[in-house]
Amino acid sequence: MMEIKAADVMKLRKMTGAGMMDCKKALIEAEGDYARAQDIIREKGKLVVAKRADRTATEGVVATKVVGSKAYILCLACETDFVAQNEEYTKSVNAMLELAVSADAADRDALLAVKDAEGRTVEELVTEKSGQTGEKIELAYYARIEAPYCHAYVHFNKKLGTVLGFNKEVPEEVAHTVAMQATAMAPVSISEADCPAEVVEHERKIAVEAMKQDPKNANKPEAILVKIAEGKMRKFFEENTLLNQCVVGEKETIAEYIRKADKEATVVAYKRFALGE
């Protein structure tokens, strides 16, 4: 067996991010050939992915970045908080985010196809991370928004975050408050106008069925029940759309709060992600 020096192991570790023992084993198997050793480590990642395909990746790191009139958010998920808290893991998340920004990737599929300086795609980098950690790793979420003024917020635990776009520049404090509200309260949309049709239909059906189950409404015609249900829908929009939600701890809505700073300002773009939801 050929001798593998510690310096050789360290060099491969810097190239791949893999563990010291994995690097040493790969170099021994590759007989000191760095290129072959990198391939061996990548193949190990593919094996880990295949073996752990049925596992759930519910931990991870959410990262965001604002560049000019665009904001980016992604989440790299893993199986355990131990891996998510690792400094190298966070570096990998930020590196993928930088690739997203540099390529201005439009969506998750586009990002997975983006290549780094060494010609590896993000999809391959994710697979390699599985080999390095021994866990199921996946790009759980990625989105990009564009607006005249953008703001981003990530909760201190790095497990949930939001990117927001405004139609014009607003004070930093206002943008931050609205982003924190969206992150904490998880609105389904910006307003009633952009609420997904399937969500509206689902909630309306629930409201109508609730009316039918109430003995007081036993003999009322369907049309009347639908009208009553619309009142419940207004309540739903107040509680679940960003601009109509009340600022946490206050009576004014988010729309009113923004207008206090600038009468013409409003939110025009919104993306949020939370691990485990």
Protein backbone atom coordinates (compact mmCIF):
# COMPACT_ATOMS: atom_id res chain seq x y z
CA MET A 1 0.00 0.00 0.00
CA MET A 2 1.42 3.37 -1.00
CA GLU A 3 2.17 5.96 1.66
CA ILE A 4 -0.31 8.82 1.86
CA LYS A 5 1.03 11.95 3.54
CA ALA A 6 -1.04 14.18 5.80
CA ALA A 7 -0.45 17.09 3.43
CA ASP A 8 -1.99 15.07 0.59
CA VAL A 9 -5.04 14.31 2.72
CA MET A 10 -5.43 17.98 3.65
CA LYS A 11 -5.14 19.02 0.01
CA LEU A 12 -7.93 16.65 -1.01
CA ARG A 13 -10.03 17.75 1.95
CA LYS A 14 -9.77 21.38 0.81
CA MET A 15 -10.74 20.32 -2.70
CA THR A 16 -13.77 18.26 -1.67
CA GLY A 17 -14.80 19.20 1.87
CA ALA A 18 -14.89 15.48 2.75
CA GLY A 19 -13.72 14.10 6.10
CA MET A 20 -10.05 13.32 6.74
CA MET A 21 -10.54 9.54 6.83
CA ASP A 22 -12.68 9.58 3.69
CA CYS A 23 -9.99 11.57 1.91
CA LYS A 24 -7.25 9.21 3.02
CA LYS A 25 -9.22 6.13 1.94
CA ALA A 26 -10.00 7.74 -1.43
CA LEU A 27 -6.33 8.60 -2.03
CA ILE A 28 -5.24 5.06 -1.13
CA GLU A 29 -7.83 3.57 -3.48
CA ALA A 30 -6.85 6.05 -6.21
CA GLU A 31 -3.13 5.40 -5.60
CA GLY A 32 -2.48 9.09 -5.03
CA ASP A 33 -4.39 10.33 -8.11
CA TYR A 34 -6.27 13.44 -6.94
CA ALA A 35 -8.74 13.46 -9.85
CA ARG A 36 -9.62 9.82 -9.30
CA ALA A 37 -9.87 10.38 -5.54
CA GLN A 38 -12.38 13.19 -6.12
CA ASP A 39 -14.44 10.85 -8.32
CA ILE A 40 -14.37 8.19 -5.59
CA ILE A 41 -15.68 10.70 -3.03
CA ARG A 42 -18.43 11.82 -5.44
CA GLU A 43 -19.44 8.20 -6.05
CA LYS A 44 -19.67 7.70 -2.30
CA GLY A 45 -22.07 10.65 -2.20
CA LYS A 46 -24.29 8.99 -4.80
CA LEU A 47 -24.35 5.78 -2.75
CA VAL A 48 -25.37 7.70 0.36
CA VAL A 49 -28.14 9.42 -1.60
CA ALA A 50 -29.44 6.05 -2.86
CA LYS A 51 -29.27 4.38 0.56
CA ARG A 52 -30.99 7.25 2.37
CA ALA A 53 -33.60 8.11 -0.27
CA ASP A 54 -36.44 7.14 2.07
CA ARG A 55 -35.15 9.32 4.92
CA THR A 56 -36.65 12.74 5.66
CA ALA A 57 -34.49 15.85 5.67
CA THR A 58 -36.26 18.07 8.20
CA GLU A 59 -33.27 20.04 9.49
CA GLY A 60 -31.06 22.43 7.56
CA VAL A 61 -30.18 26.04 6.89
CA VAL A 62 -32.17 28.82 5.22
CA ALA A 63 -30.15 31.64 3.65
CA THR A 64 -31.11 34.83 1.82
CA LYS A 65 -29.41 37.60 -0.10
CA VAL A 66 -30.53 40.90 -1.59
CA VAL A 67 -28.70 42.24 -4.64
CA GLY A 68 -30.09 45.44 -6.05
CA SER A 69 -33.68 44.91 -7.15
CA LYS A 70 -33.58 41.13 -6.61
CA ALA A 71 -33.72 38.91 -3.55
CA TYR A 72 -32.85 35.22 -3.28
CA ILE A 73 -33.79 32.57 -0.72
CA LEU A 74 -32.77 28.93 -0.50
CA CYS A 75 -32.78 26.07 1.97
CA LEU A 76 -30.34 23.17 2.03
CA ALA A 77 -31.95 20.47 4.13
CA CYS A 78 -30.33 17.61 6.06
CA GLU A 79 -31.41 14.97 8.56
CA THR A 80 -29.94 16.22 11.84
CA ASP A 81 -29.40 19.51 13.61
CA PHE A 82 -25.84 18.35 14.34
CA VAL A 83 -24.98 18.59 10.62
CA ALA A 84 -26.98 21.80 10.12
CA GLN A 85 -25.01 23.53 12.90
CA ASN A 86 -21.67 22.62 11.35
CA GLU A 87 -19.69 25.60 10.04
CA GLU A 88 -18.72 23.78 6.85
CA TYR A 89 -22.38 23.06 6.13
CA THR A 90 -23.26 26.76 6.42
CA LYS A 91 -20.36 27.58 4.09
CA SER A 92 -21.80 25.17 1.53
CA VAL A 93 -25.23 26.78 1.80
CA ASN A 94 -23.76 30.24 1.27
CA ALA A 95 -21.65 29.01 -1.65
CA MET A 96 -24.77 27.66 -3.36
CA LEU A 97 -26.56 30.93 -2.69
CA GLU A 98 -23.68 32.82 -4.33
CA LEU A 99 -23.95 30.55 -7.37
CA ALA A 100 -27.68 31.33 -7.52
CA VAL A 101 -26.97 35.05 -7.41
CA SER A 102 -24.15 34.98 -9.95
CA ALA A 103 -26.27 32.96 -12.40
CA ASP A 104 -29.47 34.81 -11.45
CA ALA A 105 -31.16 31.40 -11.40
CA ALA A 106 -34.87 31.75 -12.09
CA ASP A 107 -36.04 28.66 -10.15
CA ARG A 108 -34.89 25.51 -8.36
CA ASP A 109 -34.35 23.46 -11.52
CA ALA A 110 -32.26 26.25 -13.04
CA LEU A 111 -30.15 26.48 -9.89
CA LEU A 112 -29.48 22.74 -9.78
CA ALA A 113 -28.00 23.03 -13.27
CA VAL A 114 -25.69 25.97 -12.43
CA LYS A 115 -21.98 25.07 -12.43
CA ASP A 116 -19.27 26.28 -10.08
CA ALA A 117 -15.75 27.34 -11.12
CA GLU A 118 -14.67 23.69 -11.25
CA GLY A 119 -17.51 22.67 -13.53
CA ARG A 120 -19.61 20.90 -10.88
CA THR A 121 -23.35 21.53 -10.95
CA VAL A 122 -25.23 22.49 -7.80
CA GLU A 123 -26.99 19.13 -8.05
CA GLU A 124 -23.58 17.42 -7.92
CA LEU A 125 -22.53 19.62 -4.99
CA VAL A 126 -25.64 18.53 -3.08
CA THR A 127 -24.80 14.89 -3.78
CA GLU A 128 -21.21 15.43 -2.65
CA LYS A 129 -22.51 16.95 0.57
CA SER A 130 -24.42 13.74 1.22
CA GLY A 131 -21.17 11.82 0.86
CA GLN A 132 -19.37 14.19 3.22
CA THR A 133 -22.03 14.10 5.94
CA GLY A 134 -23.43 10.60 5.50
CA GLU A 135 -26.95 12.09 5.54
CA LYS A 136 -29.67 12.76 3.05
CA ILE A 137 -29.05 16.29 1.75
CA GLU A 138 -31.44 18.08 -0.59
CA LEU A 139 -32.06 21.53 -2.00
CA ALA A 140 -35.40 21.80 -0.25
CA TYR A 141 -36.33 25.25 -1.56
CA TYR A 142 -35.18 28.05 -3.80
CA ALA A 143 -36.90 31.19 -5.04
CA ARG A 144 -36.04 34.58 -6.46
CA ILE A 145 -38.08 37.77 -6.48
CA GLU A 146 -37.65 41.08 -8.27
CA ALA A 147 -39.03 44.47 -7.20
CA PRO A 148 -37.95 48.13 -6.96
CA TYR A 149 -36.94 47.60 -3.32
CA CYS A 150 -36.23 44.24 -1.66
CA HIS A 151 -35.64 43.10 1.89
CA ALA A 152 -34.80 39.73 3.45
CA TYR A 153 -35.07 38.24 6.91
CA VAL A 154 -33.94 34.91 8.37
CA HIS A 155 -34.98 33.82 11.87
CA PHE A 156 -32.08 33.38 14.32
CA ASN A 157 -32.38 29.56 14.16
CA LYS A 158 -31.83 29.69 10.37
CA LYS A 159 -34.81 27.40 9.80
CA LEU A 160 -37.22 29.91 8.30
CA GLY A 161 -36.92 33.08 6.31
CA THR A 162 -38.63 35.53 3.97
CA VAL A 163 -37.82 37.75 1.02
CA LEU A 164 -40.08 40.71 0.29
CA GLY A 165 -40.37 43.16 -2.58
CA PHE A 166 -41.87 46.66 -2.31
CA ASN A 167 -43.06 48.87 -5.16
CA LYS A 168 -40.70 51.60 -3.91
CA GLU A 169 -38.08 52.17 -1.26
CA VAL A 170 -39.38 52.23 2.31
CA PRO A 171 -37.57 52.87 5.60
CA GLU A 172 -35.37 49.96 6.68
CA GLU A 173 -37.30 49.60 9.93
CA VAL A 174 -40.59 49.25 8.06
CA ALA A 175 -39.21 46.66 5.65
CA HIS A 176 -37.70 44.71 8.52
CA THR A 177 -40.93 44.73 10.55
CA VAL A 178 -42.98 43.51 7.59
CA ALA A 179 -40.45 40.78 6.79
CA MET A 180 -40.45 39.61 10.43
CA GLN A 181 -44.27 39.59 10.39
CA ALA A 182 -44.34 37.45 7.26
CA THR A 183 -41.77 35.05 8.68
CA ALA A 184 -43.60 34.63 11.99
CA MET A 185 -47.24 34.65 10.80
CA ALA A 186 -46.84 32.70 7.52
CA PRO A 187 -49.40 34.49 5.33
CA VAL A 188 -50.50 32.46 2.32
CA SER A 189 -50.25 35.47 0.01
CA ILE A 190 -49.74 39.23 -0.12
CA SER A 191 -53.44 40.02 -0.41
CA GLU A 192 -56.77 38.51 -1.39
CA ALA A 193 -55.98 39.28 -5.04
CA ASP A 194 -53.01 36.90 -5.27
CA CYS A 195 -54.28 34.21 -2.90
CA PRO A 196 -54.06 30.86 -4.78
CA ALA A 197 -57.40 29.87 -6.27
CA GLU A 198 -57.20 26.35 -4.81
CA VAL A 199 -56.70 27.77 -1.31
CA VAL A 200 -59.68 30.10 -1.68
CA GLU A 201 -61.89 27.28 -3.00
CA HIS A 202 -60.81 24.94 -0.21
CA GLU A 203 -61.51 27.49 2.52
CA ARG A 204 -64.85 28.43 0.97
CA LYS A 205 -65.95 24.77 0.94
CA ILE A 206 -64.98 24.42 4.59
CA ALA A 207 -66.98 27.55 5.47
CA VAL A 208 -70.10 26.37 3.57
CA GLU A 209 -69.92 22.89 5.14
CA ALA A 210 -69.63 24.47 8.58
CA MET A 211 -72.79 26.47 7.87
CA LYS A 212 -74.63 23.31 6.81
CA GLN A 213 -73.62 21.50 9.99
CA ASP A 214 -75.12 24.26 12.15
CA PRO A 215 -78.72 23.27 13.10
CA LYS A 216 -79.76 26.92 12.89
CA ASN A 217 -79.08 26.85 9.16
CA ALA A 218 -80.89 23.56 8.45
CA ASN A 219 -83.62 25.06 6.25
CA LYS A 220 -81.67 27.88 4.65
CA PRO A 221 -81.09 27.69 0.88
CA GLU A 222 -77.59 27.13 -0.51
CA ALA A 223 -77.35 30.69 -1.85
CA ILE A 224 -77.88 32.11 1.64
CA LEU A 225 -75.30 29.77 3.11
CA VAL A 226 -72.76 30.88 0.50
CA LYS A 227 -73.36 34.53 1.45
CA ILE A 228 -72.87 33.74 5.12
CA ALA A 229 -69.71 31.81 4.23
CA GLU A 230 -68.34 34.89 2.46
CA GLY A 231 -68.27 36.63 5.81
CA LYS A 232 -66.06 33.85 7.12
CA MET A 233 -63.87 34.20 4.03
CA ARG A 234 -63.29 37.87 4.84
CA LYS A 235 -62.07 36.73 8.25
CA PHE A 236 -59.79 34.22 6.57
CA PHE A 237 -58.23 36.90 4.36
CA GLU A 238 -57.75 39.20 7.35
CA GLU A 239 -55.84 36.51 9.19
CA ASN A 240 -53.94 34.88 6.34
CA THR A 241 -52.93 37.55 3.82
CA LEU A 242 -49.95 39.75 4.64
CA LEU A 243 -51.36 43.22 3.94
CA ASN A 244 -54.57 42.43 5.84
CA GLN A 245 -52.94 40.90 8.92
CA CYS A 246 -52.63 43.09 11.98
CA VAL A 247 -49.11 44.01 12.99
CA VAL A 248 -48.14 41.68 15.85
CA GLY A 249 -49.24 43.31 19.09
CA GLU A 250 -51.02 46.18 17.32
CA LYS A 251 -54.48 46.93 15.93
CA GLU A 252 -53.38 48.41 12.60
CA THR A 253 -52.91 46.21 9.55
CA ILE A 254 -49.62 45.75 7.74
CA ALA A 255 -51.02 47.79 4.82
CA GLU A 256 -51.84 50.65 7.20
CA TYR A 257 -48.43 50.37 8.87
CA ILE A 258 -46.65 50.67 5.51
CA ARG A 259 -48.84 53.58 4.40
CA LYS A 260 -47.92 55.49 7.57
CA ALA A 261 -44.36 55.59 6.25
CA ASP A 262 -45.32 56.17 2.62
CA LYS A 263 -48.89 56.45 1.32
CA GLU A 264 -47.94 54.98 -2.06
CA ALA A 265 -45.88 52.04 -0.78
CA THR A 266 -47.00 48.41 -0.71
CA VAL A 267 -45.68 44.86 -0.97
CA VAL A 268 -45.55 43.47 -4.52
CA ALA A 269 -43.47 40.30 -4.12
CA TYR A 270 -43.22 37.71 -1.36
CA LYS A 271 -41.62 34.32 -0.80
CA ARG A 272 -41.28 32.47 2.50
CA PHE A 273 -39.93 29.09 3.52
CA ALA A 274 -39.85 27.23 6.82
CA LEU A 275 -38.37 23.83 7.51
CA GLY A 276 -40.90 21.32 8.77
CA GLU A 277 -44.01 23.08 7.47
